[in-house]
Amino acid sequence: MAKRCTVCDSEFKVYNVDGLYYCNKHYLQIRRSGKVHRTKYDPNEIRVLDTHAEVSLYDRFGIEKCRALVSLDKVELIKNIKWYLNHYGYVISKNKEGSVVWMHRLITSASDDFEVDHINWIRHDNRNENLRIASRSNNGMNKLEPKNNTSGHRGVVWHKASGKWISRIKVRGKEIHLGLFSDFKEAVNSRTEAEKELFGEFAPREDDID
């Protein structure tokens, strides 16, 4: 049986160090610093759990940033690809031509005409049940509240002239006025009900404010 590196599973130039096997790269690390450390070239670790798998994502310093989630039936599809977390929180790689490969698009086999919606808004959660193919319009329905909304809830803002909360919603580029409310919770609920009616399955899954 071929000897394999205990760190990266490589069979290339494997050395025995106190009963453990290391490839040439990790052997040199031990010789220089007395320990093994990650480099940007090391493969992602994949932990297979009972219901899903976790893919460790590292920065260029070898520090783990987060763990991408994938369904068990997709492990074979993604395991031999080097994955990273980009600035927007998506899990990506690059192919031999230098083009970006998006994990969520690879998993869903989405065509260029469609987008992929992360149902729970977590962009590194690429389990089957959290991904759905959507049009650009549908994908825009399931969005987090913009940071410039001071009310803390999408579609609800303070209407200074009336001294009330205004609730509104935009569908296909057209804004619909849902009403003015003295009670903030009522304004939020009116927006939530409108989302369910107009957006259907793409309505953001969010509990009403207590």
C-alpha atoms as a PDB file:
ATOM      1  CA  MET A   1       0.000   0.000   0.000  1.00  0.00           C
ATOM      2  CA  ALA A   2       1.317   3.420  -0.957  1.00  0.00           C
ATOM      3  CA  LYS A   3       2.326   5.728   1.857  1.00  0.00           C
ATOM      4  CA  ARG A   4       0.272   8.929   2.088  1.00  0.00           C
ATOM      5  CA  CYS A   5       0.822  12.257   3.814  1.00  0.00           C
ATOM      6  CA  THR A   6      -1.233  12.413   7.016  1.00  0.00           C
ATOM      7  CA  VAL A   7      -1.992  16.101   6.309  1.00  0.00           C
ATOM      8  CA  CYS A   8      -2.966  16.265   2.626  1.00  0.00           C
ATOM      9  CA  ASP A   9      -3.122  12.585   1.569  1.00  0.00           C
ATOM     10  CA  SER A  10      -0.436  13.112  -1.094  1.00  0.00           C
ATOM     11  CA  GLU A  11       1.680  10.154  -2.232  1.00  0.00           C
ATOM     12  CA  PHE A  12       4.485  12.331  -3.635  1.00  0.00           C
ATOM     13  CA  LYS A  13       7.849  12.080  -1.828  1.00  0.00           C
ATOM     14  CA  VAL A  14       6.475  10.840   1.494  1.00  0.00           C
ATOM     15  CA  TYR A  15       8.724  10.808   4.570  1.00  0.00           C
ATOM     16  CA  ASN A  16       8.347   9.027   7.903  1.00  0.00           C
ATOM     17  CA  VAL A  17       8.647  11.331  10.920  1.00  0.00           C
ATOM     18  CA  ASP A  18       8.228   9.566  14.268  1.00  0.00           C
ATOM     19  CA  GLY A  19       5.780   7.097  12.772  1.00  0.00           C
ATOM     20  CA  LEU A  20       3.741   9.698  10.835  1.00  0.00           C
ATOM     21  CA  TYR A  21       3.983  10.239   7.089  1.00  0.00           C
ATOM     22  CA  TYR A  22       4.422  13.657   5.472  1.00  0.00           C
ATOM     23  CA  CYS A  23       4.745  14.762   1.865  1.00  0.00           C
ATOM     24  CA  ASN A  24       7.776  16.810   0.863  1.00  0.00           C
ATOM     25  CA  LYS A  25       6.031  20.142   1.487  1.00  0.00           C
ATOM     26  CA  HIS A  26       4.860  19.300   5.015  1.00  0.00           C
ATOM     27  CA  TYR A  27       8.105  17.501   5.800  1.00  0.00           C
ATOM     28  CA  LEU A  28      10.024  20.702   5.026  1.00  0.00           C
ATOM     29  CA  GLN A  29       7.651  22.689   7.249  1.00  0.00           C
ATOM     30  CA  ILE A  30       8.423  20.376  10.168  1.00  0.00           C
ATOM     31  CA  ARG A  31      12.149  20.638   9.500  1.00  0.00           C
ATOM     32  CA  ARG A  32      11.993  24.456   9.461  1.00  0.00           C
ATOM     33  CA  SER A  33       9.504  25.300  12.189  1.00  0.00           C
ATOM     34  CA  GLY A  34       8.803  22.048  14.003  1.00  0.00           C
ATOM     35  CA  LYS A  35       5.111  22.053  13.005  1.00  0.00           C
ATOM     36  CA  VAL A  36       2.772  21.795  10.062  1.00  0.00           C
ATOM     37  CA  HIS A  37       0.901  24.900   8.948  1.00  0.00           C
ATOM     38  CA  ARG A  38      -1.561  25.495   6.155  1.00  0.00           C
ATOM     39  CA  THR A  39      -0.728  27.238   2.907  1.00  0.00           C
ATOM     40  CA  LYS A  40      -3.099  28.635   0.297  1.00  0.00           C
ATOM     41  CA  TYR A  41      -2.407  25.577  -1.852  1.00  0.00           C
ATOM     42  CA  ASP A  42      -3.697  23.016   0.662  1.00  0.00           C
ATOM     43  CA  PRO A  43      -7.048  21.361  -0.161  1.00  0.00           C
ATOM     44  CA  ASN A  44     -10.150  22.117   1.874  1.00  0.00           C
ATOM     45  CA  GLU A  45     -10.927  19.764   4.738  1.00  0.00           C
ATOM     46  CA  ILE A  46     -14.346  18.135   4.384  1.00  0.00           C
ATOM     47  CA  ARG A  47     -16.140  16.768   7.421  1.00  0.00           C
ATOM     48  CA  VAL A  48     -18.925  14.331   6.603  1.00  0.00           C
ATOM     49  CA  LEU A  49     -21.654  14.439   9.256  1.00  0.00           C
ATOM     50  CA  ASP A  50     -24.932  12.541   9.605  1.00  0.00           C
ATOM     51  CA  THR A  51     -27.090  14.941   7.591  1.00  0.00           C
ATOM     52  CA  HIS A  52     -24.630  17.082   5.610  1.00  0.00           C
ATOM     53  CA  ALA A  53     -20.949  17.874   5.077  1.00  0.00           C
ATOM     54  CA  GLU A  54     -18.864  20.892   6.128  1.00  0.00           C
ATOM     55  CA  VAL A  55     -16.141  22.335   3.900  1.00  0.00           C
ATOM     56  CA  SER A  56     -13.526  24.448   5.711  1.00  0.00           C
ATOM     57  CA  LEU A  57     -12.735  27.732   3.960  1.00  0.00           C
ATOM     58  CA  TYR A  58      -9.458  29.525   4.745  1.00  0.00           C
ATOM     59  CA  ASP A  59      -7.976  32.928   4.064  1.00  0.00           C
ATOM     60  CA  ARG A  60      -4.510  33.390   2.544  1.00  0.00           C
ATOM     61  CA  PHE A  61      -2.939  33.167   6.008  1.00  0.00           C
ATOM     62  CA  GLY A  62      -4.395  29.700   6.627  1.00  0.00           C
ATOM     63  CA  ILE A  63      -7.007  30.927   9.104  1.00  0.00           C
ATOM     64  CA  GLU A  64     -10.407  29.253   8.865  1.00  0.00           C
ATOM     65  CA  LYS A  65     -13.067  31.844   7.971  1.00  0.00           C
ATOM     66  CA  CYS A  66     -16.148  29.624   7.963  1.00  0.00           C
ATOM     67  CA  ARG A  67     -17.450  26.248   6.848  1.00  0.00           C
ATOM     68  CA  ALA A  68     -19.577  25.837   3.746  1.00  0.00           C
ATOM     69  CA  LEU A  69     -22.474  23.415   4.083  1.00  0.00           C
ATOM     70  CA  VAL A  70     -23.315  20.899   1.362  1.00  0.00           C
ATOM     71  CA  SER A  71     -25.680  17.949   1.119  1.00  0.00           C
ATOM     72  CA  LEU A  72     -24.146  14.489   1.333  1.00  0.00           C
ATOM     73  CA  ASP A  73     -25.016  13.621  -2.267  1.00  0.00           C
ATOM     74  CA  LYS A  74     -22.971  16.595  -3.509  1.00  0.00           C
ATOM     75  CA  VAL A  75     -19.685  15.792  -1.724  1.00  0.00           C
ATOM     76  CA  GLU A  76     -18.299  13.841  -4.698  1.00  0.00           C
ATOM     77  CA  LEU A  77     -19.121  16.776  -6.977  1.00  0.00           C
ATOM     78  CA  ILE A  78     -17.229  19.417  -4.979  1.00  0.00           C
ATOM     79  CA  LYS A  79     -14.517  17.515  -3.094  1.00  0.00           C
ATOM     80  CA  ASN A  80     -11.674  17.804  -5.624  1.00  0.00           C
ATOM     81  CA  ILE A  81     -12.054  21.562  -6.135  1.00  0.00           C
ATOM     82  CA  LYS A  82     -10.200  24.238  -4.159  1.00  0.00           C
ATOM     83  CA  TRP A  83     -12.845  26.521  -2.616  1.00  0.00           C
ATOM     84  CA  TYR A  84     -12.618  30.038  -1.185  1.00  0.00           C
ATOM     85  CA  LEU A  85     -14.944  32.544   0.460  1.00  0.00           C
ATOM     86  CA  ASN A  86     -15.190  35.751  -1.579  1.00  0.00           C
ATOM     87  CA  HIS A  87     -15.793  39.279  -0.254  1.00  0.00           C
ATOM     88  CA  TYR A  88     -19.553  38.898  -0.637  1.00  0.00           C
ATOM     89  CA  GLY A  89     -19.770  35.661   1.353  1.00  0.00           C
ATOM     90  CA  TYR A  90     -20.176  33.298  -1.619  1.00  0.00           C
ATOM     91  CA  VAL A  91     -18.161  30.094  -2.006  1.00  0.00           C
ATOM     92  CA  ILE A  92     -16.137  30.193  -5.223  1.00  0.00           C
ATOM     93  CA  SER A  93     -13.259  28.589  -7.081  1.00  0.00           C
ATOM     94  CA  LYS A  94     -11.484  29.193 -10.388  1.00  0.00           C
ATOM     95  CA  ASN A  95     -11.156  26.762 -13.268  1.00  0.00           C
ATOM     96  CA  LYS A  96      -8.125  26.248 -15.493  1.00  0.00           C
ATOM     97  CA  GLU A  97      -9.276  29.056 -17.789  1.00  0.00           C
ATOM     98  CA  GLY A  98      -9.410  31.464 -14.854  1.00  0.00           C
ATOM     99  CA  SER A  99     -13.213  31.739 -14.830  1.00  0.00           C
ATOM    100  CA  VAL A 100     -15.047  31.872 -11.504  1.00  0.00           C
ATOM    101  CA  VAL A 101     -16.912  28.740 -10.434  1.00  0.00           C
ATOM    102  CA  TRP A 102     -19.723  29.342  -7.937  1.00  0.00           C
ATOM    103  CA  MET A 103     -20.436  26.411  -5.629  1.00  0.00           C
ATOM    104  CA  HIS A 104     -24.184  27.092  -5.503  1.00  0.00           C
ATOM    105  CA  ARG A 105     -24.420  27.235  -9.297  1.00  0.00           C
ATOM    106  CA  LEU A 106     -22.349  24.073  -9.737  1.00  0.00           C
ATOM    107  CA  ILE A 107     -24.552  22.192  -7.276  1.00  0.00           C
ATOM    108  CA  THR A 108     -27.812  23.270  -8.930  1.00  0.00           C
ATOM    109  CA  SER A 109     -26.522  23.135 -12.526  1.00  0.00           C
ATOM    110  CA  ALA A 110     -28.184  26.537 -13.022  1.00  0.00           C
ATOM    111  CA  SER A 111     -28.025  27.939 -16.557  1.00  0.00           C
ATOM    112  CA  ASP A 112     -26.823  31.474 -17.255  1.00  0.00           C
ATOM    113  CA  ASP A 113     -30.432  32.616 -17.706  1.00  0.00           C
ATOM    114  CA  PHE A 114     -31.287  31.997 -14.042  1.00  0.00           C
ATOM    115  CA  GLU A 115     -30.017  32.888 -10.587  1.00  0.00           C
ATOM    116  CA  VAL A 116     -29.793  30.715  -7.476  1.00  0.00           C
ATOM    117  CA  ASP A 117     -31.569  31.874  -4.345  1.00  0.00           C
ATOM    118  CA  HIS A 118     -30.209  31.049  -0.867  1.00  0.00           C
ATOM    119  CA  ILE A 119     -33.478  30.641   1.000  1.00  0.00           C
ATOM    120  CA  ASN A 120     -32.121  31.402   4.499  1.00  0.00           C
ATOM    121  CA  TRP A 121     -29.864  34.243   3.195  1.00  0.00           C
ATOM    122  CA  ILE A 122     -26.692  32.398   4.285  1.00  0.00           C
ATOM    123  CA  ARG A 123     -24.521  32.389   1.175  1.00  0.00           C
ATOM    124  CA  HIS A 124     -22.163  29.610   2.288  1.00  0.00           C
ATOM    125  CA  ASP A 125     -25.086  27.277   3.097  1.00  0.00           C
ATOM    126  CA  ASN A 126     -25.234  25.311  -0.141  1.00  0.00           C
ATOM    127  CA  ARG A 127     -27.307  22.357   1.020  1.00  0.00           C
ATOM    128  CA  ASN A 128     -29.901  21.211  -1.498  1.00  0.00           C
ATOM    129  CA  GLU A 129     -32.806  22.343   0.674  1.00  0.00           C
ATOM    130  CA  ASN A 130     -31.434  25.900   0.895  1.00  0.00           C
ATOM    131  CA  LEU A 131     -30.989  26.440  -2.850  1.00  0.00           C
ATOM    132  CA  ARG A 132     -33.611  27.104  -5.492  1.00  0.00           C
ATOM    133  CA  ILE A 133     -33.296  28.240  -9.085  1.00  0.00           C
ATOM    134  CA  ALA A 134     -35.026  31.562  -9.638  1.00  0.00           C
ATOM    135  CA  SER A 135     -35.458  34.352 -12.114  1.00  0.00           C
ATOM    136  CA  ARG A 136     -33.753  37.647 -11.297  1.00  0.00           C
ATOM    137  CA  SER A 137     -37.127  39.059 -10.246  1.00  0.00           C
ATOM    138  CA  ASN A 138     -37.942  36.118  -7.951  1.00  0.00           C
ATOM    139  CA  ASN A 139     -34.467  36.140  -6.412  1.00  0.00           C
ATOM    140  CA  GLY A 140     -34.840  39.842  -5.604  1.00  0.00           C
ATOM    141  CA  MET A 141     -37.946  39.094  -3.543  1.00  0.00           C
ATOM    142  CA  ASN A 142     -35.998  37.161  -0.912  1.00  0.00           C
ATOM    143  CA  LYS A 143     -33.578  39.852   0.239  1.00  0.00           C
ATOM    144  CA  LEU A 144     -32.268  41.089   3.566  1.00  0.00           C
ATOM    145  CA  GLU A 145     -33.319  44.540   4.771  1.00  0.00           C
ATOM    146  CA  PRO A 146     -31.091  47.272   3.280  1.00  0.00           C
ATOM    147  CA  LYS A 147     -28.756  48.809   5.856  1.00  0.00           C
ATOM    148  CA  ASN A 148     -30.101  52.301   5.154  1.00  0.00           C
ATOM    149  CA  ASN A 149     -33.584  51.413   6.409  1.00  0.00           C
ATOM    150  CA  THR A 150     -33.773  52.938   9.898  1.00  0.00           C
ATOM    151  CA  SER A 151     -36.972  51.103  10.899  1.00  0.00           C
ATOM    152  CA  GLY A 152     -35.191  47.754  10.908  1.00  0.00           C
ATOM    153  CA  HIS A 153     -37.802  46.135   8.680  1.00  0.00           C
ATOM    154  CA  ARG A 154     -37.928  46.185   4.892  1.00  0.00           C
ATOM    155  CA  GLY A 155     -40.731  48.206   3.355  1.00  0.00           C
ATOM    156  CA  VAL A 156     -41.589  50.054   6.575  1.00  0.00           C
ATOM    157  CA  VAL A 157     -40.405  53.642   7.153  1.00  0.00           C
ATOM    158  CA  TRP A 158     -41.385  56.551   9.370  1.00  0.00           C
ATOM    159  CA  HIS A 159     -43.616  59.082   7.593  1.00  0.00           C
ATOM    160  CA  LYS A 160     -42.700  62.369   9.285  1.00  0.00           C
ATOM    161  CA  ALA A 161     -45.536  64.457   7.800  1.00  0.00           C
ATOM    162  CA  SER A 162     -48.286  62.202   9.175  1.00  0.00           C
ATOM    163  CA  GLY A 163     -46.463  61.009  12.283  1.00  0.00           C
ATOM    164  CA  LYS A 164     -47.143  57.404  11.302  1.00  0.00           C
ATOM    165  CA  TRP A 165     -45.399  54.365   9.844  1.00  0.00           C
ATOM    166  CA  ILE A 166     -45.802  53.857   6.115  1.00  0.00           C
ATOM    167  CA  SER A 167     -45.802  50.323   4.705  1.00  0.00           C
ATOM    168  CA  ARG A 168     -45.054  49.673   1.031  1.00  0.00           C
ATOM    169  CA  ILE A 169     -43.828  46.971  -1.322  1.00  0.00           C
ATOM    170  CA  LYS A 170     -42.305  46.919  -4.811  1.00  0.00           C
ATOM    171  CA  VAL A 171     -43.379  44.366  -7.414  1.00  0.00           C
ATOM    172  CA  ARG A 172     -41.834  44.273 -10.906  1.00  0.00           C
ATOM    173  CA  GLY A 173     -40.496  47.779 -10.439  1.00  0.00           C
ATOM    174  CA  LYS A 174     -43.833  49.230  -9.320  1.00  0.00           C
ATOM    175  CA  GLU A 175     -44.224  50.456  -5.729  1.00  0.00           C
ATOM    176  CA  ILE A 176     -47.513  49.628  -3.986  1.00  0.00           C
ATOM    177  CA  HIS A 177     -48.655  51.700  -0.993  1.00  0.00           C
ATOM    178  CA  LEU A 178     -50.017  49.426   1.761  1.00  0.00           C
ATOM    179  CA  GLY A 179     -51.098  52.103   4.223  1.00  0.00           C
ATOM    180  CA  LEU A 180     -50.198  54.377   7.138  1.00  0.00           C
ATOM    181  CA  PHE A 181     -50.125  52.892  10.640  1.00  0.00           C
ATOM    182  CA  SER A 182     -49.809  54.343  14.108  1.00  0.00           C
ATOM    183  CA  ASP A 183     -48.608  50.978  15.406  1.00  0.00           C
ATOM    184  CA  PHE A 184     -45.246  49.741  14.075  1.00  0.00           C
ATOM    185  CA  LYS A 185     -46.195  46.083  14.423  1.00  0.00           C
ATOM    186  CA  GLU A 186     -49.306  46.591  12.307  1.00  0.00           C
ATOM    187  CA  ALA A 187     -47.206  48.214   9.588  1.00  0.00           C
ATOM    188  CA  VAL A 188     -44.759  45.302   9.664  1.00  0.00           C
ATOM    189  CA  ASN A 189     -47.532  42.732   9.531  1.00  0.00           C
ATOM    190  CA  SER A 190     -49.152  44.461   6.554  1.00  0.00           C
ATOM    191  CA  ARG A 191     -45.848  44.227   4.701  1.00  0.00           C
ATOM    192  CA  THR A 192     -45.396  40.567   5.699  1.00  0.00           C
ATOM    193  CA  GLU A 193     -48.879  39.617   4.494  1.00  0.00           C
ATOM    194  CA  ALA A 194     -48.297  41.431   1.199  1.00  0.00           C
ATOM    195  CA  GLU A 195     -45.045  39.491   0.708  1.00  0.00           C
ATOM    196  CA  LYS A 196     -46.841  36.179   1.215  1.00  0.00           C
ATOM    197  CA  GLU A 197     -49.572  37.130  -1.236  1.00  0.00           C
ATOM    198  CA  LEU A 198     -47.397  38.670  -3.945  1.00  0.00           C
ATOM    199  CA  PHE A 199     -44.127  36.748  -3.633  1.00  0.00           C
ATOM    200  CA  GLY A 200     -45.475  33.285  -2.815  1.00  0.00           C
ATOM    201  CA  GLU A 201     -42.693  30.778  -2.130  1.00  0.00           C
ATOM    202  CA  PHE A 202     -40.079  33.532  -2.566  1.00  0.00           C
ATOM    203  CA  ALA A 203     -41.420  35.610   0.322  1.00  0.00           C
ATOM    204  CA  PRO A 204     -38.645  36.100   2.925  1.00  0.00           C
ATOM    205  CA  ARG A 205     -39.061  33.644   5.801  1.00  0.00           C
ATOM    206  CA  GLU A 206     -39.046  35.944   8.797  1.00  0.00           C
ATOM    207  CA  ASP A 207     -41.107  35.932  11.994  1.00  0.00           C
ATOM    208  CA  ASP A 208     -43.352  38.902  12.734  1.00  0.00           C
ATOM    209  CA  ILE A 209     -42.109  41.327  15.365  1.00  0.00           C
ATOM    210  CA  ASP A 210     -43.406  40.487  18.842  1.00  0.00           C
END
